[in-house]
Amino acid sequence: MRKYAPALLVDVVLVVVFAALGRSSHDEGLDLVGIASTAWPFLGGLTAGWFLTAWLYRDKFDALAAVPTGLLVWISTLAVGMLLRAVTGQGTATAFVIVATLFLGVFLIGWRFLAGVVARRGVRTG
């Protein structure tokens, strides 16, 4: 598990940044409790995505892979996050779902894609 901690930490930080940016763009407070209240549904989805991916690909799990890991983590973070927001009375307006879909997709898949490009370049030039 220790070897996956850096990738998990990057995902958690990106979800928290998503929550903070969203709160900031709506002139909501950036206090710890406010950010946590916005982030927790997506952190729950992120957790589900990590467990699902690790279980499905247990023999070949690669936390840095854009596909399937990034893709499954993104979909789980978004779907479970929105479901948890809906059942707890938090907003799931269409515009918010679109923004969350794009932001989380770019960040949760994007950093893995970039890490893969950097790793491949390192292999070729190293």
C-alpha atoms as a PDB file:
ATOM      1  CA  MET A   1       0.000   0.000   0.000  1.00  0.00           C
ATOM      2  CA  ARG A   2       2.866   2.353   0.754  1.00  0.00           C
ATOM      3  CA  LYS A   3       3.907   2.499  -2.894  1.00  0.00           C
ATOM      4  CA  TYR A   4       0.431   3.777  -3.825  1.00  0.00           C
ATOM      5  CA  ALA A   5       0.335   6.518  -1.186  1.00  0.00           C
ATOM      6  CA  PRO A   6       1.842   9.275  -3.373  1.00  0.00           C
ATOM      7  CA  ALA A   7      -0.731   8.718  -6.144  1.00  0.00           C
ATOM      8  CA  LEU A   8      -3.573   8.607  -3.628  1.00  0.00           C
ATOM      9  CA  LEU A   9      -2.294  11.804  -2.017  1.00  0.00           C
ATOM     10  CA  VAL A  10      -2.222  13.571  -5.402  1.00  0.00           C
ATOM     11  CA  ASP A  11      -5.835  12.497  -6.022  1.00  0.00           C
ATOM     12  CA  VAL A  12      -6.965  13.690  -2.579  1.00  0.00           C
ATOM     13  CA  VAL A  13      -5.224  17.043  -3.007  1.00  0.00           C
ATOM     14  CA  LEU A  14      -6.815  17.528  -6.429  1.00  0.00           C
ATOM     15  CA  VAL A  15     -10.301  16.785  -5.090  1.00  0.00           C
ATOM     16  CA  VAL A  16      -9.752  19.247  -2.232  1.00  0.00           C
ATOM     17  CA  VAL A  17      -8.480  21.857  -4.732  1.00  0.00           C
ATOM     18  CA  PHE A  18     -11.628  21.243  -6.799  1.00  0.00           C
ATOM     19  CA  ALA A  19     -13.778  21.873  -3.722  1.00  0.00           C
ATOM     20  CA  ALA A  20     -11.825  24.983  -2.721  1.00  0.00           C
ATOM     21  CA  LEU A  21     -11.936  26.461  -6.230  1.00  0.00           C
ATOM     22  CA  GLY A  22     -15.650  25.801  -6.437  1.00  0.00           C
ATOM     23  CA  ARG A  23     -16.296  27.474  -3.100  1.00  0.00           C
ATOM     24  CA  SER A  24     -14.080  30.393  -4.060  1.00  0.00           C
ATOM     25  CA  SER A  25     -15.839  30.916  -7.386  1.00  0.00           C
ATOM     26  CA  HIS A  26     -19.161  31.182  -5.530  1.00  0.00           C
ATOM     27  CA  ASP A  27     -17.802  33.521  -2.849  1.00  0.00           C
ATOM     28  CA  GLU A  28     -18.199  30.857  -0.186  1.00  0.00           C
ATOM     29  CA  GLY A  29     -15.809  30.625   2.722  1.00  0.00           C
ATOM     30  CA  LEU A  30     -12.507  28.843   2.333  1.00  0.00           C
ATOM     31  CA  ASP A  31     -12.439  27.667   5.929  1.00  0.00           C
ATOM     32  CA  LEU A  32     -11.536  24.050   6.641  1.00  0.00           C
ATOM     33  CA  VAL A  33     -15.091  23.047   7.573  1.00  0.00           C
ATOM     34  CA  GLY A  34     -16.548  24.593   4.418  1.00  0.00           C
ATOM     35  CA  ILE A  35     -14.019  22.959   2.130  1.00  0.00           C
ATOM     36  CA  ALA A  36     -14.493  19.625   3.907  1.00  0.00           C
ATOM     37  CA  SER A  37     -18.279  19.847   3.549  1.00  0.00           C
ATOM     38  CA  THR A  38     -17.902  20.361  -0.194  1.00  0.00           C
ATOM     39  CA  ALA A  39     -15.115  17.812  -0.684  1.00  0.00           C
ATOM     40  CA  TRP A  40     -16.326  14.851   1.399  1.00  0.00           C
ATOM     41  CA  PRO A  41     -18.814  13.405  -1.129  1.00  0.00           C
ATOM     42  CA  PHE A  42     -16.132  13.404  -3.814  1.00  0.00           C
ATOM     43  CA  LEU A  43     -13.520  12.021  -1.443  1.00  0.00           C
ATOM     44  CA  GLY A  44     -15.983   9.204  -0.734  1.00  0.00           C
ATOM     45  CA  GLY A  45     -16.280   8.604  -4.470  1.00  0.00           C
ATOM     46  CA  LEU A  46     -12.513   8.747  -4.818  1.00  0.00           C
ATOM     47  CA  THR A  47     -12.159   6.100  -2.117  1.00  0.00           C
ATOM     48  CA  ALA A  48     -14.710   3.892  -3.846  1.00  0.00           C
ATOM     49  CA  GLY A  49     -12.869   4.323  -7.139  1.00  0.00           C
ATOM     50  CA  TRP A  50      -9.541   3.338  -5.627  1.00  0.00           C
ATOM     51  CA  PHE A  51     -10.998   0.225  -4.003  1.00  0.00           C
ATOM     52  CA  LEU A  52     -12.884  -0.731  -7.170  1.00  0.00           C
ATOM     53  CA  THR A  53      -9.834  -0.303  -9.382  1.00  0.00           C
ATOM     54  CA  ALA A  54      -7.521  -2.142  -6.986  1.00  0.00           C
ATOM     55  CA  TRP A  55     -10.035  -5.010  -6.776  1.00  0.00           C
ATOM     56  CA  LEU A  56     -10.695  -5.236 -10.527  1.00  0.00           C
ATOM     57  CA  TYR A  57      -7.012  -5.030 -11.451  1.00  0.00           C
ATOM     58  CA  ARG A  58      -5.539  -6.598  -8.323  1.00  0.00           C
ATOM     59  CA  ASP A  59      -2.911  -8.543 -10.254  1.00  0.00           C
ATOM     60  CA  LYS A  60      -1.971  -5.632 -12.520  1.00  0.00           C
ATOM     61  CA  PHE A  61      -2.932  -2.566 -10.482  1.00  0.00           C
ATOM     62  CA  ASP A  62      -1.022   0.527 -11.566  1.00  0.00           C
ATOM     63  CA  ALA A  63      -1.974   3.642  -9.596  1.00  0.00           C
ATOM     64  CA  LEU A  64      -0.293   5.835 -12.213  1.00  0.00           C
ATOM     65  CA  ALA A  65      -2.117   4.442 -15.248  1.00  0.00           C
ATOM     66  CA  ALA A  66      -4.426   6.968 -16.917  1.00  0.00           C
ATOM     67  CA  VAL A  67      -6.429   3.975 -18.179  1.00  0.00           C
ATOM     68  CA  PRO A  68      -7.884   2.089 -16.432  1.00  0.00           C
ATOM     69  CA  THR A  69      -7.019   3.609 -13.030  1.00  0.00           C
ATOM     70  CA  GLY A  70      -7.507   7.298 -13.809  1.00  0.00           C
ATOM     71  CA  LEU A  71     -10.651   6.614 -15.806  1.00  0.00           C
ATOM     72  CA  LEU A  72     -12.284   4.448 -13.132  1.00  0.00           C
ATOM     73  CA  VAL A  73     -11.236   6.745 -10.291  1.00  0.00           C
ATOM     74  CA  TRP A  74     -12.660   9.733 -12.190  1.00  0.00           C
ATOM     75  CA  ILE A  75     -15.998   8.049 -12.949  1.00  0.00           C
ATOM     76  CA  SER A  76     -16.349   6.790  -9.367  1.00  0.00           C
ATOM     77  CA  THR A  77     -15.373  10.127  -7.858  1.00  0.00           C
ATOM     78  CA  LEU A  78     -17.931  11.910  -9.995  1.00  0.00           C
ATOM     79  CA  ALA A  79     -20.792   9.398  -9.788  1.00  0.00           C
ATOM     80  CA  VAL A  80     -20.535   8.553  -6.096  1.00  0.00           C
ATOM     81  CA  GLY A  81     -19.794  12.190  -5.242  1.00  0.00           C
ATOM     82  CA  MET A  82     -22.909  13.408  -7.031  1.00  0.00           C
ATOM     83  CA  LEU A  83     -25.007  10.619  -5.531  1.00  0.00           C
ATOM     84  CA  LEU A  84     -23.827  11.501  -2.021  1.00  0.00           C
ATOM     85  CA  ARG A  85     -24.491  15.194  -2.687  1.00  0.00           C
ATOM     86  CA  ALA A  86     -27.991  14.381  -3.902  1.00  0.00           C
ATOM     87  CA  VAL A  87     -28.946  12.187  -0.938  1.00  0.00           C
ATOM     88  CA  THR A  88     -27.601  14.752   1.542  1.00  0.00           C
ATOM     89  CA  GLY A  89     -29.445  17.673  -0.034  1.00  0.00           C
ATOM     90  CA  GLN A  90     -26.420  19.343  -1.599  1.00  0.00           C
ATOM     91  CA  GLY A  91     -26.698  20.788  -5.076  1.00  0.00           C
ATOM     92  CA  THR A  92     -26.406  18.763  -8.259  1.00  0.00           C
ATOM     93  CA  ALA A  93     -27.363  21.425 -10.792  1.00  0.00           C
ATOM     94  CA  THR A  94     -26.603  20.536 -14.394  1.00  0.00           C
ATOM     95  CA  ALA A  95     -23.948  23.250 -14.715  1.00  0.00           C
ATOM     96  CA  PHE A  96     -22.215  21.949 -11.578  1.00  0.00           C
ATOM     97  CA  VAL A  97     -22.263  18.369 -12.879  1.00  0.00           C
ATOM     98  CA  ILE A  98     -20.707  19.525 -16.160  1.00  0.00           C
ATOM     99  CA  VAL A  99     -17.986  21.545 -14.420  1.00  0.00           C
ATOM    100  CA  ALA A 100     -17.259  18.705 -11.984  1.00  0.00           C
ATOM    101  CA  THR A 101     -17.109  16.196 -14.831  1.00  0.00           C
ATOM    102  CA  LEU A 102     -14.610  18.280 -16.783  1.00  0.00           C
ATOM    103  CA  PHE A 103     -12.459  19.407 -13.859  1.00  0.00           C
ATOM    104  CA  LEU A 104     -12.221  16.009 -12.191  1.00  0.00           C
ATOM    105  CA  GLY A 105     -11.616  14.283 -15.522  1.00  0.00           C
ATOM    106  CA  VAL A 106      -8.834  16.611 -16.544  1.00  0.00           C
ATOM    107  CA  PHE A 107      -7.203  16.437 -13.125  1.00  0.00           C
ATOM    108  CA  LEU A 108      -7.640  12.762 -12.160  1.00  0.00           C
ATOM    109  CA  ILE A 109      -6.790  11.408 -15.596  1.00  0.00           C
ATOM    110  CA  GLY A 110      -4.584  14.272 -16.716  1.00  0.00           C
ATOM    111  CA  TRP A 111      -1.908  14.056 -14.045  1.00  0.00           C
ATOM    112  CA  ARG A 112      -1.558  10.336 -14.691  1.00  0.00           C
ATOM    113  CA  PHE A 113      -1.251  10.928 -18.416  1.00  0.00           C
ATOM    114  CA  LEU A 114       1.461  13.539 -17.828  1.00  0.00           C
ATOM    115  CA  ALA A 115       3.273  11.239 -15.385  1.00  0.00           C
ATOM    116  CA  GLY A 116       3.228   8.516 -18.045  1.00  0.00           C
ATOM    117  CA  VAL A 117       4.642  10.860 -20.679  1.00  0.00           C
ATOM    118  CA  VAL A 118       7.403  11.986 -18.311  1.00  0.00           C
ATOM    119  CA  ALA A 119       8.182   8.381 -17.350  1.00  0.00           C
ATOM    120  CA  ARG A 120       8.366   7.280 -20.994  1.00  0.00           C
ATOM    121  CA  ARG A 121      10.654  10.177 -21.863  1.00  0.00           C
ATOM    122  CA  GLY A 122      12.851   9.311 -18.908  1.00  0.00           C
ATOM    123  CA  VAL A 123      13.107   5.725 -20.120  1.00  0.00           C
ATOM    124  CA  ARG A 124      14.045   6.816 -23.652  1.00  0.00           C
ATOM    125  CA  THR A 125      16.602   9.421 -22.649  1.00  0.00           C
ATOM    126  CA  GLY A 126      17.899   7.703 -19.536  1.00  0.00           C
END
